[in-house]
Amino acid sequence: MLNRLELLVLVCLFCSSSSWAEDWTRFRGKNGQGVSDAQKIPSQWSDADLHWKTKLPGMGHSSPVQLGKTIFVQSADPESATRYVIAIDSDTGKIKWEKKFASTTHRFHRLNSYNSSTPAVDSKRVYVTWSNKAQITLKAFHHDGQEIWSKDLGSWVGQHGYAASPIVYRDKVILVNSQQKNQLNPGEKPGQSRVMAFDGKTGQTVWTSDRVTTRVSYSVPCIYQNEKGDDELVCCNTAEGVYSLNPQNGKRNWYYQGAFDKRTVSSPVFAGGLILGSCGSGGGGNFVVAIRPGSQPSMQYKVDRNANYVPTPVAYQNRLYLVSDKGIASCVDSGNGKVLWQERLSGEYWASPIRIQKRIYVINAKGVVTVFAAADKFQLLGKSELGEKCHSTPAVADGKLVLRTVSHLMSVGGER
């Protein structure tokens, strides 16, 4: 039997190390919500504070993911479109293994790249995707780099280039295969949008759910637990607005059509029992909608003043923090949509903000990290420069912050 002192020591050890067990296994971490309880991430740092900085082959905009002591990231050669899948030791920054795959070049938006898709990882495998015009590729690897299976999902049609990211749900890998119908080039035929689920072990198709095709959506889905305790796969697109599928079989539960009139790029987040999604365009007109989910979903409010288009918001308690593409940060009451404050940050923003404890971290396109308080008044806590362009949302795992610029990966914070 342990005495009271021994029990207290064990409890303290568990509590002090709980943040170290945190993984970041998909785009924007656990369930795509972009939050972390890590204890020792600084609000400001210099190059001297970095644990390591690793040059990546090629370049790209995808985000890192991490399980245990291994970081997984994708990249691509900007000239040949060769694709890279890379595993990096989180303690040393050394590349454990690197796989490369020939591909073909194609046109994409000036703010996109050949690599804008973020991997997903579970306890046994890591999953990656990319596409050219002729073929969408989905692959699975063991953590040691051995390829397990590869899927050719057919051709892809879109204006701005590919940027879908898979997620893992139980034993399945789910990918939104969104394609373009309108504003096509002469002679180009519309694509067919669908959500697809695959067996993580074998790659066998488990279910396919055809969706309405209009404009390509880059929104990455997440899992919502309804009042009955059942899991729902929540997605966003222009044609069907915010919608829910059964993640076991792909059947639609409900949808709120008419939520959006423009392209959806940001991913859904949860706040105050509501699901938040947004749409927008390079020309503006961006807005966020708050949907109350259920068999008869309803819109609770809309935020259209300096709303985000590409970056996904992040929530804390009953507040929602937005960062617009043009660099306006906003704090919004997530219950009623009232804007509590807005503050201009420097630069343009394509990476999404994340929250660590009570601080919001966001990176502009020039690689400047701004940290401000998750509070009802704007409070700047720090600024740091990464020294290179950045479109990538950071990750937090093993108590450290992992940042990806267009061609480097670096780590800061936690224990040294």
Protein backbone atom coordinates (compact mmCIF):
# COMPACT_ATOMS: atom_id res chain seq x y z
CA MET A 1 0.00 0.00 0.00
CA LEU A 2 1.21 3.51 -0.78
CA ASN A 3 1.14 6.03 2.02
CA ARG A 4 -0.48 9.47 1.57
CA LEU A 5 2.84 11.18 0.77
CA GLU A 6 3.67 8.63 -1.96
CA LEU A 7 0.21 9.06 -3.48
CA LEU A 8 0.60 12.83 -3.45
CA VAL A 9 3.97 12.57 -5.22
CA LEU A 10 2.47 10.32 -7.91
CA VAL A 11 -0.42 12.72 -8.46
CA CYS A 12 1.95 15.67 -8.76
CA LEU A 13 4.15 13.82 -11.23
CA PHE A 14 1.12 12.94 -13.34
CA CYS A 15 -0.22 16.49 -13.33
CA SER A 16 3.14 18.06 -14.16
CA SER A 17 3.68 15.70 -17.08
CA SER A 18 0.15 15.70 -18.53
CA SER A 19 0.92 18.36 -21.12
CA TRP A 20 3.91 16.34 -22.29
CA ALA A 21 1.61 13.51 -23.33
CA GLU A 22 -0.27 15.82 -25.68
CA ASP A 23 -0.18 14.90 -29.37
CA TRP A 24 -1.20 16.93 -32.41
CA THR A 25 -2.46 14.36 -34.87
CA ARG A 26 -4.26 16.36 -37.58
CA PHE A 27 -4.70 19.87 -38.96
CA ARG A 28 -5.15 22.16 -35.94
CA GLY A 29 -4.69 19.36 -33.42
CA LYS A 30 -7.32 17.53 -31.40
CA ASN A 31 -10.59 17.56 -33.37
CA GLY A 32 -9.33 20.51 -35.39
CA GLN A 33 -10.05 23.03 -32.65
CA GLY A 34 -6.53 24.48 -32.42
CA VAL A 35 -6.13 24.43 -28.64
CA SER A 36 -3.46 23.23 -26.22
CA ASP A 37 -2.84 23.14 -22.47
CA ALA A 38 0.97 23.19 -22.79
CA GLN A 39 2.51 24.97 -19.80
CA LYS A 40 5.85 26.35 -20.93
CA ILE A 41 5.42 27.95 -24.36
CA PRO A 42 6.89 31.48 -24.40
CA SER A 43 5.01 34.47 -25.75
CA GLN A 44 8.19 35.79 -27.37
CA TRP A 45 11.54 34.28 -28.36
CA SER A 46 14.63 34.67 -30.53
CA ASP A 47 16.62 32.21 -32.65
CA ALA A 48 18.80 31.52 -29.62
CA ASP A 49 15.77 30.05 -27.81
CA LEU A 50 15.01 27.49 -30.52
CA HIS A 51 15.72 23.84 -29.72
CA TRP A 52 16.56 23.27 -33.40
CA LYS A 53 15.81 24.51 -36.90
CA THR A 54 15.72 21.98 -39.74
CA LYS A 55 15.85 22.66 -43.47
CA LEU A 56 13.16 20.72 -45.32
CA PRO A 57 13.46 19.40 -48.86
CA GLY A 58 11.32 21.45 -51.22
CA MET A 59 8.79 23.91 -49.83
CA GLY A 60 5.12 24.12 -48.96
CA HIS A 61 2.32 25.37 -46.75
CA SER A 62 1.08 22.24 -44.99
CA SER A 63 1.18 22.05 -41.20
CA PRO A 64 3.19 19.62 -39.06
CA VAL A 65 1.57 16.87 -37.00
CA GLN A 66 3.14 14.93 -34.15
CA LEU A 67 2.65 11.68 -32.27
CA GLY A 68 4.99 10.87 -29.43
CA LYS A 69 8.50 11.98 -30.37
CA THR A 70 7.98 12.03 -34.13
CA ILE A 71 6.87 14.96 -36.26
CA PHE A 72 5.41 14.23 -39.69
CA VAL A 73 5.31 16.87 -42.40
CA GLN A 74 4.89 17.08 -46.17
CA SER A 75 6.73 19.19 -48.73
CA ALA A 76 7.16 19.48 -52.50
CA ASP A 77 9.70 20.64 -55.05
CA PRO A 78 8.41 23.95 -56.49
CA GLU A 79 9.87 23.19 -59.94
CA SER A 80 9.18 19.48 -60.53
CA ALA A 81 6.25 18.98 -58.13
CA THR A 82 8.08 16.01 -56.54
CA ARG A 83 6.30 15.22 -53.29
CA TYR A 84 8.06 14.57 -49.97
CA VAL A 85 6.83 12.83 -46.83
CA ILE A 86 9.19 13.45 -43.92
CA ALA A 87 9.53 12.19 -40.33
CA ILE A 88 11.57 14.26 -37.86
CA ASP A 89 12.77 13.55 -34.34
CA SER A 90 11.07 16.11 -32.10
CA ASP A 91 13.98 16.23 -29.61
CA THR A 92 16.82 16.80 -32.08
CA GLY A 93 15.19 18.03 -35.29
CA LYS A 94 17.02 15.32 -37.25
CA ILE A 95 15.23 13.76 -40.21
CA LYS A 96 14.42 10.13 -39.37
CA TRP A 97 13.26 9.24 -42.86
CA GLU A 98 12.21 10.89 -46.09
CA LYS A 99 10.16 9.51 -48.97
CA LYS A 100 9.79 11.21 -52.33
CA PHE A 101 7.36 10.63 -55.18
CA ALA A 102 7.45 11.96 -58.72
CA SER A 103 4.47 14.01 -59.83
CA THR A 104 3.48 16.40 -62.62
CA THR A 105 3.35 20.18 -62.59
CA HIS A 106 0.15 22.18 -62.89
CA ARG A 107 -1.17 25.68 -62.29
CA PHE A 108 -2.38 26.85 -58.90
CA HIS A 109 -3.18 30.08 -57.07
CA ARG A 110 -0.19 32.30 -56.29
CA LEU A 111 -0.84 31.79 -52.56
CA ASN A 112 -1.04 28.00 -52.88
CA SER A 113 1.75 25.47 -53.47
CA TYR A 114 2.23 21.87 -54.57
CA ASN A 115 2.06 21.04 -50.88
CA SER A 116 -0.77 22.53 -48.85
CA SER A 117 -2.26 19.32 -47.39
CA THR A 118 -1.56 18.41 -43.76
CA PRO A 119 -0.99 14.74 -42.77
CA ALA A 120 -3.05 12.83 -40.20
CA VAL A 121 -1.51 10.28 -37.85
CA ASP A 122 -2.75 7.60 -35.47
CA SER A 123 -0.98 5.09 -33.22
CA LYS A 124 -0.02 2.84 -36.15
CA ARG A 125 0.06 4.85 -39.37
CA VAL A 126 0.48 8.28 -40.96
CA TYR A 127 -1.75 9.32 -43.87
CA VAL A 128 -0.94 11.87 -46.58
CA THR A 129 -2.61 13.22 -49.70
CA TRP A 130 -1.75 15.36 -52.73
CA SER A 131 -3.09 15.87 -56.21
CA ASN A 132 -2.32 16.94 -59.73
CA LYS A 133 -4.95 17.38 -62.43
CA ALA A 134 -4.94 13.69 -63.36
CA GLN A 135 -4.88 12.02 -59.96
CA ILE A 136 -5.65 12.47 -56.27
CA THR A 137 -3.25 10.34 -54.24
CA LEU A 138 -3.90 9.07 -50.70
CA LYS A 139 -1.15 7.03 -49.01
CA ALA A 140 -0.56 5.34 -45.67
CA PHE A 141 2.83 4.63 -44.06
CA HIS A 142 4.01 2.88 -40.95
CA HIS A 143 5.73 5.23 -38.53
CA ASP A 144 9.07 3.84 -39.71
CA GLY A 145 8.40 5.04 -43.27
CA GLN A 146 7.31 1.73 -44.83
CA GLU A 147 4.50 2.36 -47.31
CA ILE A 148 1.39 0.28 -46.51
CA TRP A 149 -1.09 1.22 -49.21
CA SER A 150 -1.76 3.83 -51.88
CA LYS A 151 -5.04 4.94 -53.48
CA ASP A 152 -5.67 6.66 -56.80
CA LEU A 153 -8.91 8.57 -56.24
CA GLY A 154 -9.27 9.80 -59.80
CA SER A 155 -8.87 13.21 -61.37
CA TRP A 156 -9.30 16.53 -59.61
CA VAL A 157 -10.88 19.72 -61.02
CA GLY A 158 -10.26 23.08 -59.37
CA GLN A 159 -9.08 26.63 -59.91
CA HIS A 160 -6.67 27.27 -57.06
CA GLY A 161 -4.87 23.98 -56.51
CA TYR A 162 -5.32 21.13 -54.04
CA ALA A 163 -5.30 21.54 -50.26
CA ALA A 164 -7.49 18.81 -48.74
CA SER A 165 -6.32 17.25 -45.47
CA PRO A 166 -7.40 13.83 -44.12
CA ILE A 167 -8.60 13.12 -40.60
CA VAL A 168 -8.70 9.88 -38.61
CA TYR A 169 -11.94 8.70 -37.03
CA ARG A 170 -11.55 5.48 -35.06
CA ASP A 171 -10.30 2.92 -37.63
CA LYS A 172 -11.12 5.10 -40.64
CA VAL A 173 -9.37 7.76 -42.67
CA ILE A 174 -11.81 10.39 -43.94
CA LEU A 175 -11.08 12.75 -46.81
CA VAL A 176 -13.26 15.47 -48.30
CA ASN A 177 -12.79 15.22 -52.07
CA SER A 178 -14.21 18.60 -53.07
CA GLN A 179 -14.13 19.62 -56.72
CA GLN A 180 -15.15 22.46 -59.04
CA LYS A 181 -18.26 22.85 -61.22
CA ASN A 182 -18.47 26.55 -62.09
CA GLN A 183 -15.89 29.03 -63.40
CA LEU A 184 -14.10 26.31 -65.36
CA ASN A 185 -11.56 26.76 -68.12
CA PRO A 186 -12.74 26.20 -71.72
CA GLY A 187 -13.14 22.48 -72.39
CA GLU A 188 -12.87 21.54 -68.70
CA LYS A 189 -15.54 19.22 -67.35
CA PRO A 190 -17.01 19.55 -63.83
CA GLY A 191 -15.64 17.31 -61.12
CA GLN A 192 -17.70 15.21 -58.69
CA SER A 193 -17.46 16.16 -55.03
CA ARG A 194 -17.71 13.47 -52.39
CA VAL A 195 -16.67 12.65 -48.84
CA MET A 196 -14.80 9.35 -48.63
CA ALA A 197 -13.89 7.00 -45.78
CA PHE A 198 -11.22 4.29 -45.98
CA ASP A 199 -10.11 1.50 -43.71
CA GLY A 200 -6.91 2.76 -42.11
CA LYS A 201 -5.25 -0.66 -42.15
CA THR A 202 -6.03 -1.74 -45.72
CA GLY A 203 -7.08 1.39 -47.61
CA GLN A 204 -10.30 -0.33 -48.65
CA THR A 205 -13.18 2.09 -49.29
CA VAL A 206 -15.67 1.91 -46.40
CA TRP A 207 -18.19 4.44 -47.69
CA THR A 208 -18.56 7.28 -50.18
CA SER A 209 -21.01 10.15 -49.85
CA ASP A 210 -21.60 12.20 -53.01
CA ARG A 211 -21.91 15.92 -52.34
CA VAL A 212 -23.25 18.84 -54.36
CA THR A 213 -20.50 20.30 -56.53
CA THR A 214 -20.09 24.07 -57.00
CA ARG A 215 -16.79 25.51 -55.78
CA VAL A 216 -13.89 23.65 -54.22
CA SER A 217 -14.04 23.66 -50.42
CA TYR A 218 -10.82 23.47 -48.42
CA SER A 219 -12.56 23.09 -45.06
CA VAL A 220 -11.31 20.15 -42.97
CA PRO A 221 -14.13 18.40 -41.06
CA CYS A 222 -14.34 17.63 -37.36
CA ILE A 223 -16.42 15.44 -35.04
CA TYR A 224 -19.39 16.85 -33.13
CA GLN A 225 -21.05 14.85 -30.36
CA ASN A 226 -24.79 15.48 -30.37
CA GLU A 227 -27.22 15.52 -27.44
CA LYS A 228 -27.72 11.75 -27.71
CA GLY A 229 -23.97 11.18 -27.42
CA ASP A 230 -23.63 10.12 -31.06
CA ASP A 231 -20.72 11.31 -33.19
CA GLU A 232 -21.40 13.45 -36.25
CA LEU A 233 -18.95 14.42 -38.99
CA VAL A 234 -19.37 18.18 -39.48
CA CYS A 235 -18.36 19.70 -42.82
CA CYS A 236 -18.73 22.99 -44.70
CA ASN A 237 -19.14 23.77 -48.38
CA THR A 238 -20.69 26.48 -50.53
CA ALA A 239 -23.66 24.48 -51.83
CA GLU A 240 -24.76 22.69 -48.65
CA GLY A 241 -23.57 25.18 -46.04
CA VAL A 242 -22.86 23.48 -42.73
CA TYR A 243 -23.80 19.81 -42.84
CA SER A 244 -23.47 16.63 -40.79
CA LEU A 245 -22.78 13.05 -41.89
CA ASN A 246 -22.78 9.82 -39.94
CA PRO A 247 -19.04 8.99 -39.78
CA GLN A 248 -19.82 5.26 -39.72
CA ASN A 249 -21.68 5.10 -43.05
CA GLY A 250 -21.61 8.57 -44.67
CA LYS A 251 -25.37 9.14 -44.53
CA ARG A 252 -26.44 12.74 -44.08
CA ASN A 253 -27.92 13.68 -40.70
CA TRP A 254 -28.82 17.32 -41.40
CA TYR A 255 -27.65 20.41 -43.24
CA TYR A 256 -28.17 24.16 -43.15
CA GLN A 257 -28.31 25.12 -46.80
CA GLY A 258 -27.82 28.75 -47.75
CA ALA A 259 -25.32 29.47 -45.00
CA PHE A 260 -22.67 30.49 -47.55
CA ASP A 261 -22.58 32.27 -50.89
CA LYS A 262 -18.80 32.11 -51.40
CA ARG A 263 -15.97 29.60 -51.09
CA THR A 264 -15.35 27.85 -47.76
CA VAL A 265 -11.69 27.60 -46.79
CA SER A 266 -11.63 27.78 -42.99
CA SER A 267 -12.68 24.73 -40.95
CA PRO A 268 -15.60 24.41 -38.50
CA VAL A 269 -15.09 25.16 -34.81
CA PHE A 270 -17.35 24.77 -31.77
CA ALA A 271 -18.26 27.46 -29.24
CA GLY A 272 -21.17 27.73 -26.83
CA GLY A 273 -23.06 24.79 -28.33
CA LEU A 274 -22.84 26.33 -31.81
CA ILE A 275 -20.91 25.36 -34.93
CA LEU A 276 -19.02 28.23 -36.56
CA GLY A 277 -18.09 28.26 -40.24
CA SER A 278 -17.11 30.96 -42.71
CA CYS A 279 -16.86 31.79 -46.38
CA GLY A 280 -15.25 34.52 -48.43
CA SER A 281 -13.27 35.53 -51.48
CA GLY A 282 -10.13 37.40 -52.42
CA GLY A 283 -12.34 40.38 -53.17
CA GLY A 284 -13.93 40.43 -49.73
CA GLY A 285 -17.48 39.85 -48.55
CA ASN A 286 -16.30 37.37 -45.92
CA PHE A 287 -18.58 36.34 -43.07
CA VAL A 288 -18.87 33.84 -40.22
CA VAL A 289 -22.12 32.03 -39.42
CA ALA A 290 -23.10 30.39 -36.15
CA ILE A 291 -25.33 27.34 -36.63
CA ARG A 292 -27.24 25.57 -33.88
CA PRO A 293 -27.00 21.90 -34.93
CA GLY A 294 -29.74 19.30 -34.87
CA SER A 295 -32.51 17.79 -36.99
CA GLN A 296 -33.76 21.33 -37.63
CA PRO A 297 -30.58 23.44 -37.62
CA SER A 298 -30.89 27.21 -37.38
CA MET A 299 -28.61 30.20 -37.87
CA GLN A 300 -28.08 32.12 -34.65
CA TYR A 301 -26.05 35.02 -35.98
CA LYS A 302 -23.63 36.22 -38.62
CA VAL A 303 -20.36 38.15 -38.21
CA ASP A 304 -19.49 40.08 -41.37
CA ARG A 305 -17.28 42.86 -40.08
CA ASN A 306 -13.61 42.06 -40.76
CA ALA A 307 -14.41 38.34 -40.82
CA ASN A 308 -11.90 35.64 -41.71
CA TYR A 309 -11.77 33.81 -45.05
CA VAL A 310 -8.70 31.53 -45.00
CA PRO A 311 -7.69 31.41 -41.28
CA THR A 312 -9.88 29.29 -38.99
CA PRO A 313 -11.02 30.95 -35.72
CA VAL A 314 -10.28 29.62 -32.25
CA ALA A 315 -12.52 29.62 -29.18
CA TYR A 316 -11.97 30.12 -25.45
CA GLN A 317 -14.79 29.86 -22.92
CA ASN A 318 -17.61 32.01 -24.38
CA ARG A 319 -15.40 33.96 -26.76
CA LEU A 320 -14.39 33.43 -30.38
CA TYR A 321 -11.14 34.92 -31.70
CA LEU A 322 -10.92 35.68 -35.41
CA VAL A 323 -8.00 36.88 -37.48
CA SER A 324 -8.93 38.12 -40.94
CA ASP A 325 -6.76 37.63 -44.00
CA LYS A 326 -5.94 41.35 -43.93
CA GLY A 327 -4.77 41.20 -40.33
CA ILE A 328 -7.71 42.37 -38.22
CA ALA A 329 -7.99 40.42 -34.95
CA SER A 330 -11.45 40.27 -33.36
CA CYS A 331 -12.92 39.03 -30.10
CA VAL A 332 -16.55 37.97 -30.48
CA ASP A 333 -19.13 36.88 -27.92
CA SER A 334 -19.79 33.35 -29.14
CA GLY A 335 -23.33 33.38 -27.73
CA ASN A 336 -24.69 36.34 -29.68
CA GLY A 337 -22.02 37.38 -32.21
CA LYS A 338 -21.35 40.77 -30.63
CA VAL A 339 -17.89 42.07 -31.51
CA LEU A 340 -16.15 43.06 -28.27
CA TRP A 341 -12.95 44.42 -29.78
CA GLN A 342 -10.97 44.58 -32.99
CA GLU A 343 -7.28 45.33 -33.42
CA ARG A 344 -5.13 45.64 -36.52
CA LEU A 345 -2.14 43.31 -36.61
CA SER A 346 0.70 43.64 -39.10
CA GLY A 347 0.65 41.90 -42.49
CA GLU A 348 -1.55 39.33 -44.22
CA TYR A 349 -2.59 36.04 -42.63
CA TRP A 350 -3.07 32.61 -44.21
CA ALA A 351 -2.14 30.51 -41.16
CA SER A 352 -4.84 29.90 -38.55
CA PRO A 353 -4.58 31.13 -34.96
CA ILE A 354 -4.22 28.58 -32.17
CA ARG A 355 -4.79 28.97 -28.45
CA ILE A 356 -2.30 27.83 -25.80
CA GLN A 357 -3.77 28.26 -22.33
CA LYS A 358 -5.07 31.86 -22.32
CA ARG A 359 -2.94 33.13 -25.23
CA ILE A 360 -3.62 33.31 -28.96
CA TYR A 361 -0.72 32.62 -31.37
CA VAL A 362 -0.96 33.63 -35.03
CA ILE A 363 1.65 33.93 -37.80
CA ASN A 364 1.51 36.37 -40.69
CA ALA A 365 2.68 35.65 -44.24
CA LYS A 366 6.12 37.17 -43.57
CA GLY A 367 6.71 34.83 -40.64
CA VAL A 368 6.01 37.19 -37.74
CA VAL A 369 4.38 35.43 -34.78
CA THR A 370 2.03 37.65 -32.78
CA VAL A 371 0.77 36.54 -29.37
CA PHE A 372 -2.14 38.25 -27.64
CA ALA A 373 -4.29 37.51 -24.62
CA ALA A 374 -7.53 35.55 -24.90
CA ALA A 375 -9.39 38.28 -23.05
CA ASP A 376 -12.12 40.89 -23.41
CA LYS A 377 -9.55 43.60 -24.05
CA PHE A 378 -6.73 43.39 -26.57
CA GLN A 379 -3.39 42.83 -24.88
CA LEU A 380 -0.25 42.24 -26.94
CA LEU A 381 1.99 39.69 -25.22
CA GLY A 382 4.84 39.29 -27.68
CA LYS A 383 6.18 39.18 -31.22
CA SER A 384 8.80 36.89 -32.74
CA GLU A 385 10.24 36.57 -36.24
CA LEU A 386 10.70 33.23 -37.98
CA GLY A 387 12.88 34.72 -40.73
CA GLU A 388 10.93 33.29 -43.66
CA LYS A 389 7.50 33.35 -45.27
CA CYS A 390 4.84 31.25 -43.55
CA HIS A 391 1.34 30.08 -44.50
CA SER A 392 1.31 27.15 -42.06
CA THR A 393 -0.59 26.72 -38.81
CA PRO A 394 1.74 25.62 -35.98
CA ALA A 395 1.42 22.50 -33.85
CA VAL A 396 1.80 21.96 -30.10
CA ALA A 397 2.93 18.55 -28.87
CA ASP A 398 5.15 17.07 -26.18
CA GLY A 399 5.01 20.44 -24.42
CA LYS A 400 6.66 22.32 -27.32
CA LEU A 401 5.57 24.62 -30.12
CA VAL A 402 6.45 23.35 -33.62
CA LEU A 403 6.52 25.95 -36.40
CA ARG A 404 6.77 25.43 -40.12
CA THR A 405 7.82 28.14 -42.57
CA VAL A 406 7.87 27.53 -46.32
CA SER A 407 11.12 25.54 -46.10
CA HIS A 408 12.06 25.06 -42.44
CA LEU A 409 10.73 23.36 -39.32
CA MET A 410 11.63 24.58 -35.83
CA SER A 411 10.78 23.96 -32.18
CA VAL A 412 10.58 26.23 -29.13
CA GLY A 413 9.30 26.10 -25.57
CA GLY A 414 8.91 23.33 -23.01
CA GLU A 415 11.88 21.87 -21.18
CA ARG A 416 15.33 22.24 -22.67
